[in-house]
Amino acid sequence: MGIGDKAKHAAEEAAGKLKEGAGKASDDEKLEAEGQSDQSKADLKQAGDDVKDAFNRR
């Protein structure tokens, strides 16, 4: 797994956290939910990266 992909997925997670925080600050439940969803997607991608790395180490 390339470092670029890992960085991209980490950036997606950070963007999700920012979006969630903006939703909380503005009392926008939809924006907050979108941020949480973005974080979940990024977490799944990062987990996939970890699995790929584990198989490549063998």
PDB file of N, CA and C in Angstrom:
ATOM      1  N   MET A   1       0.857  -1.169   0.000  1.00  0.00           N
ATOM      2  CA  MET A   1       0.000   0.000   0.000  1.00  0.00           C
ATOM      3  C   MET A   1       0.894   1.219   0.000  1.00  0.00           C
ATOM      4  N   GLY A   2       0.595   2.142  -0.852  1.00  0.00           N
ATOM      5  CA  GLY A   2       1.414   3.333  -0.974  1.00  0.00           C
ATOM      6  C   GLY A   2       1.172   4.326   0.156  1.00  0.00           C
ATOM      7  N   ILE A   3       2.203   5.059   0.432  1.00  0.00           N
ATOM      8  CA  ILE A   3       2.106   6.073   1.475  1.00  0.00           C
ATOM      9  C   ILE A   3       1.096   7.143   1.072  1.00  0.00           C
ATOM     10  N   GLY A   4       1.017   7.419  -0.225  1.00  0.00           N
ATOM     11  CA  GLY A   4       0.074   8.419  -0.715  1.00  0.00           C
ATOM     12  C   GLY A   4      -1.364   8.059  -0.407  1.00  0.00           C
ATOM     13  N   ASP A   5      -1.708   6.776  -0.566  1.00  0.00           N
ATOM     14  CA  ASP A   5      -3.069   6.330  -0.255  1.00  0.00           C
ATOM     15  C   ASP A   5      -3.363   6.479   1.231  1.00  0.00           C
ATOM     16  N   LYS A   6      -2.403   6.115   2.049  1.00  0.00           N
ATOM     17  CA  LYS A   6      -2.602   6.226   3.500  1.00  0.00           C
ATOM     18  C   LYS A   6      -2.783   7.681   3.903  1.00  0.00           C
ATOM     19  N   ALA A   7      -1.989   8.555   3.318  1.00  0.00           N
ATOM     20  CA  ALA A   7      -2.104   9.981   3.628  1.00  0.00           C
ATOM     21  C   ALA A   7      -3.456  10.520   3.159  1.00  0.00           C
ATOM     22  N   LYS A   8      -3.888  10.070   1.992  1.00  0.00           N
ATOM     23  CA  LYS A   8      -5.174  10.511   1.455  1.00  0.00           C
ATOM     24  C   LYS A   8      -6.311  10.088   2.377  1.00  0.00           C
ATOM     25  N   HIS A   9      -6.264   8.863   2.859  1.00  0.00           N
ATOM     26  CA  HIS A   9      -7.320   8.370   3.737  1.00  0.00           C
ATOM     27  C   HIS A   9      -7.295   9.073   5.091  1.00  0.00           C
ATOM     28  N   ALA A  10      -6.113   9.385   5.582  1.00  0.00           N
ATOM     29  CA  ALA A  10      -6.010  10.134   6.833  1.00  0.00           C
ATOM     30  C   ALA A  10      -6.563  11.548   6.653  1.00  0.00           C
ATOM     31  N   ALA A  11      -6.303  12.127   5.495  1.00  0.00           N
ATOM     32  CA  ALA A  11      -6.821  13.465   5.213  1.00  0.00           C
ATOM     33  C   ALA A  11      -8.347  13.444   5.114  1.00  0.00           C
ATOM     34  N   GLU A  12      -8.888  12.376   4.528  1.00  0.00           N
ATOM     35  CA  GLU A  12     -10.346  12.239   4.435  1.00  0.00           C
ATOM     36  C   GLU A  12     -10.961  12.151   5.829  1.00  0.00           C
ATOM     37  N   GLU A  13     -10.292  11.427   6.714  1.00  0.00           N
ATOM     38  CA  GLU A  13     -10.793  11.309   8.084  1.00  0.00           C
ATOM     39  C   GLU A  13     -10.752  12.670   8.789  1.00  0.00           C
ATOM     40  N   ALA A  14      -9.656  13.396   8.597  1.00  0.00           N
ATOM     41  CA  ALA A  14      -9.530  14.715   9.220  1.00  0.00           C
ATOM     42  C   ALA A  14     -10.603  15.667   8.687  1.00  0.00           C
ATOM     43  N   ALA A  15     -10.871  15.590   7.397  1.00  0.00           N
ATOM     44  CA  ALA A  15     -11.910  16.435   6.808  1.00  0.00           C
ATOM     45  C   ALA A  15     -13.275  16.092   7.397  1.00  0.00           C
ATOM     46  N   GLY A  16     -13.511  14.811   7.626  1.00  0.00           N
ATOM     47  CA  GLY A  16     -14.761  14.382   8.251  1.00  0.00           C
ATOM     48  C   GLY A  16     -14.904  14.934   9.661  1.00  0.00           C
ATOM     49  N   LYS A  17     -13.790  14.943  10.397  1.00  0.00           N
ATOM     50  CA  LYS A  17     -13.825  15.494  11.761  1.00  0.00           C
ATOM     51  C   LYS A  17     -14.119  16.987  11.733  1.00  0.00           C
ATOM     52  N   LEU A  18     -13.522  17.688  10.770  1.00  0.00           N
ATOM     53  CA  LEU A  18     -13.784  19.120  10.645  1.00  0.00           C
ATOM     54  C   LEU A  18     -15.254  19.378  10.290  1.00  0.00           C
ATOM     55  N   LYS A  19     -15.759  18.567   9.379  1.00  0.00           N
ATOM     56  CA  LYS A  19     -17.154  18.731   8.959  1.00  0.00           C
ATOM     57  C   LYS A  19     -18.090  18.449  10.135  1.00  0.00           C
ATOM     58  N   GLU A  20     -17.778  17.409  10.904  1.00  0.00           N
ATOM     59  CA  GLU A  20     -18.595  17.087  12.074  1.00  0.00           C
ATOM     60  C   GLU A  20     -18.554  18.238  13.084  1.00  0.00           C
ATOM     61  N   GLY A  21     -17.364  18.774  13.316  1.00  0.00           N
ATOM     62  CA  GLY A  21     -17.223  19.887  14.250  1.00  0.00           C
ATOM     63  C   GLY A  21     -17.973  21.127  13.790  1.00  0.00           C
ATOM     64  N   ALA A  22     -17.929  21.389  12.493  1.00  0.00           N
ATOM     65  CA  ALA A  22     -18.657  22.535  11.950  1.00  0.00           C
ATOM     66  C   ALA A  22     -20.160  22.329  12.112  1.00  0.00           C
ATOM     67  N   GLY A  23     -20.604  21.094  11.928  1.00  0.00           N
ATOM     68  CA  GLY A  23     -22.021  20.789  12.105  1.00  0.00           C
ATOM     69  C   GLY A  23     -22.466  20.988  13.542  1.00  0.00           C
ATOM     70  N   LYS A  24     -21.621  20.567  14.479  1.00  0.00           N
ATOM     71  CA  LYS A  24     -21.951  20.761  15.899  1.00  0.00           C
ATOM     72  C   LYS A  24     -21.984  22.243  16.252  1.00  0.00           C
ATOM     73  N   ALA A  25     -20.990  22.986  15.744  1.00  0.00           N
ATOM     74  CA  ALA A  25     -20.891  24.412  16.074  1.00  0.00           C
ATOM     75  C   ALA A  25     -22.056  25.212  15.509  1.00  0.00           C
ATOM     76  N   SER A  26     -22.532  24.812  14.333  1.00  0.00           N
ATOM     77  CA  SER A  26     -23.626  25.554  13.699  1.00  0.00           C
ATOM     78  C   SER A  26     -24.985  24.915  13.965  1.00  0.00           C
ATOM     79  N   ASP A  27     -24.998  23.867  14.785  1.00  0.00           N
ATOM     80  CA  ASP A  27     -26.225  23.139  15.106  1.00  0.00           C
ATOM     81  C   ASP A  27     -26.898  22.590  13.848  1.00  0.00           C
ATOM     82  N   ASP A  28     -26.053  22.117  12.921  1.00  0.00           N
ATOM     83  CA  ASP A  28     -26.531  21.540  11.660  1.00  0.00           C
ATOM     84  C   ASP A  28     -26.356  20.016  11.746  1.00  0.00           C
ATOM     85  N   GLU A  29     -27.439  19.327  12.068  1.00  0.00           N
ATOM     86  CA  GLU A  29     -27.369  17.884  12.277  1.00  0.00           C
ATOM     87  C   GLU A  29     -26.982  17.136  11.001  1.00  0.00           C
ATOM     88  N   LYS A  30     -27.427  17.636   9.858  1.00  0.00           N
ATOM     89  CA  LYS A  30     -27.103  16.982   8.582  1.00  0.00           C
ATOM     90  C   LYS A  30     -25.594  17.041   8.322  1.00  0.00           C
ATOM     91  N   LEU A  31     -24.986  18.204   8.522  1.00  0.00           N
ATOM     92  CA  LEU A  31     -23.552  18.363   8.307  1.00  0.00           C
ATOM     93  C   LEU A  31     -22.767  17.503   9.293  1.00  0.00           C
ATOM     94  N   GLU A  32     -23.240  17.456  10.521  1.00  0.00           N
ATOM     95  CA  GLU A  32     -22.584  16.628  11.540  1.00  0.00           C
ATOM     96  C   GLU A  32     -22.634  15.154  11.138  1.00  0.00           C
ATOM     97  N   ALA A  33     -23.778  14.704  10.658  1.00  0.00           N
ATOM     98  CA  ALA A  33     -23.921  13.305  10.233  1.00  0.00           C
ATOM     99  C   ALA A  33     -23.041  13.006   9.021  1.00  0.00           C
ATOM    100  N   GLU A  34     -22.942  13.967   8.100  1.00  0.00           N
ATOM    101  CA  GLU A  34     -22.069  13.771   6.939  1.00  0.00           C
ATOM    102  C   GLU A  34     -20.616  13.618   7.380  1.00  0.00           C
ATOM    103  N   GLY A  35     -20.208  14.415   8.342  1.00  0.00           N
ATOM    104  CA  GLY A  35     -18.848  14.320   8.865  1.00  0.00           C
ATOM    105  C   GLY A  35     -18.582  12.967   9.495  1.00  0.00           C
ATOM    106  N   GLN A  36     -19.546  12.466  10.252  1.00  0.00           N
ATOM    107  CA  GLN A  36     -19.395  11.145  10.874  1.00  0.00           C
ATOM    108  C   GLN A  36     -19.328  10.062   9.806  1.00  0.00           C
ATOM    109  N   SER A  37     -20.138  10.202   8.770  1.00  0.00           N
ATOM    110  CA  SER A  37     -20.132   9.240   7.667  1.00  0.00           C
ATOM    111  C   SER A  37     -18.789   9.253   6.937  1.00  0.00           C
ATOM    112  N   ASP A  38     -18.271  10.446   6.686  1.00  0.00           N
ATOM    113  CA  ASP A  38     -16.974  10.565   6.016  1.00  0.00           C
ATOM    114  C   ASP A  38     -15.875   9.903   6.837  1.00  0.00           C
ATOM    115  N   GLN A  39     -15.936  10.076   8.149  1.00  0.00           N
ATOM    116  CA  GLN A  39     -14.941   9.456   9.026  1.00  0.00           C
ATOM    117  C   GLN A  39     -15.036   7.933   8.964  1.00  0.00           C
ATOM    118  N   SER A  40     -16.246   7.412   8.948  1.00  0.00           N
ATOM    119  CA  SER A  40     -16.440   5.966   8.890  1.00  0.00           C
ATOM    120  C   SER A  40     -15.886   5.396   7.591  1.00  0.00           C
ATOM    121  N   LYS A  41     -16.154   6.091   6.495  1.00  0.00           N
ATOM    122  CA  LYS A  41     -15.638   5.637   5.198  1.00  0.00           C
ATOM    123  C   LYS A  41     -14.111   5.621   5.196  1.00  0.00           C
ATOM    124  N   ALA A  42     -13.516   6.670   5.743  1.00  0.00           N
ATOM    125  CA  ALA A  42     -12.058   6.746   5.800  1.00  0.00           C
ATOM    126  C   ALA A  42     -11.497   5.644   6.690  1.00  0.00           C
ATOM    127  N   ASP A  43     -12.166   5.355   7.799  1.00  0.00           N
ATOM    128  CA  ASP A  43     -11.719   4.283   8.692  1.00  0.00           C
ATOM    129  C   ASP A  43     -11.737   2.933   7.975  1.00  0.00           C
ATOM    130  N   LEU A  44     -12.778   2.687   7.183  1.00  0.00           N
ATOM    131  CA  LEU A  44     -12.860   1.436   6.434  1.00  0.00           C
ATOM    132  C   LEU A  44     -11.731   1.343   5.408  1.00  0.00           C
ATOM    133  N   LYS A  45     -11.444   2.442   4.742  1.00  0.00           N
ATOM    134  CA  LYS A  45     -10.356   2.453   3.770  1.00  0.00           C
ATOM    135  C   LYS A  45      -9.024   2.191   4.453  1.00  0.00           C
ATOM    136  N   GLN A  46      -8.832   2.782   5.635  1.00  0.00           N
ATOM    137  CA  GLN A  46      -7.587   2.566   6.370  1.00  0.00           C
ATOM    138  C   GLN A  46      -7.472   1.116   6.825  1.00  0.00           C
ATOM    139  N   ALA A  47      -8.578   0.513   7.213  1.00  0.00           N
ATOM    140  CA  ALA A  47      -8.558  -0.891   7.606  1.00  0.00           C
ATOM    141  C   ALA A  47      -8.191  -1.762   6.406  1.00  0.00           C
ATOM    142  N   GLY A  48      -8.716  -1.426   5.244  1.00  0.00           N
ATOM    143  CA  GLY A  48      -8.360  -2.147   4.023  1.00  0.00           C
ATOM    144  C   GLY A  48      -6.886  -2.008   3.706  1.00  0.00           C
ATOM    145  N   ASP A  49      -6.343  -0.820   3.927  1.00  0.00           N
ATOM    146  CA  ASP A  49      -4.909  -0.606   3.721  1.00  0.00           C
ATOM    147  C   ASP A  49      -4.102  -1.516   4.636  1.00  0.00           C
ATOM    148  N   ASP A  50      -4.526  -1.618   5.894  1.00  0.00           N
ATOM    149  CA  ASP A  50      -3.817  -2.453   6.862  1.00  0.00           C
ATOM    150  C   ASP A  50      -3.845  -3.922   6.455  1.00  0.00           C
ATOM    151  N   VAL A  51      -4.980  -4.379   5.947  1.00  0.00           N
ATOM    152  CA  VAL A  51      -5.083  -5.778   5.503  1.00  0.00           C
ATOM    153  C   VAL A  51      -4.152  -6.017   4.314  1.00  0.00           C
ATOM    154  N   LYS A  52      -4.153  -5.103   3.375  1.00  0.00           N
ATOM    155  CA  LYS A  52      -3.276  -5.233   2.207  1.00  0.00           C
ATOM    156  C   LYS A  52      -1.817  -5.261   2.643  1.00  0.00           C
ATOM    157  N   ASP A  53      -1.459  -4.404   3.590  1.00  0.00           N
ATOM    158  CA  ASP A  53      -0.084  -4.376   4.091  1.00  0.00           C
ATOM    159  C   ASP A  53       0.283  -5.698   4.751  1.00  0.00           C
ATOM    160  N   ALA A  54      -0.643  -6.265   5.499  1.00  0.00           N
ATOM    161  CA  ALA A  54      -0.373  -7.532   6.177  1.00  0.00           C
ATOM    162  C   ALA A  54      -0.103  -8.643   5.168  1.00  0.00           C
ATOM    163  N   PHE A  55      -0.843  -8.667   4.075  1.00  0.00           N
ATOM    164  CA  PHE A  55      -0.625  -9.701   3.067  1.00  0.00           C
ATOM    165  C   PHE A  55       0.647  -9.454   2.272  1.00  0.00           C
ATOM    166  N   ASN A  56       1.017  -8.209   2.091  1.00  0.00           N
ATOM    167  CA  ASN A  56       2.233  -7.895   1.337  1.00  0.00           C
ATOM    168  C   ASN A  56       3.485  -8.186   2.132  1.00  0.00           C
ATOM    169  N   ARG A  57       3.386  -8.255   3.439  1.00  0.00           N
ATOM    170  CA  ARG A  57       4.561  -8.528   4.291  1.00  0.00           C
ATOM    171  C   ARG A  57       4.930  -9.999   4.275  1.00  0.00           C
ATOM    172  N   ARG A  58       4.048 -10.839   3.843  1.00  0.00           N
ATOM    173  CA  ARG A  58       4.313 -12.287   3.871  1.00  0.00           C
ATOM    174  C   ARG A  58       5.230 -12.686   2.782  1.00  0.00           C
TER     175      ARG A  58
END
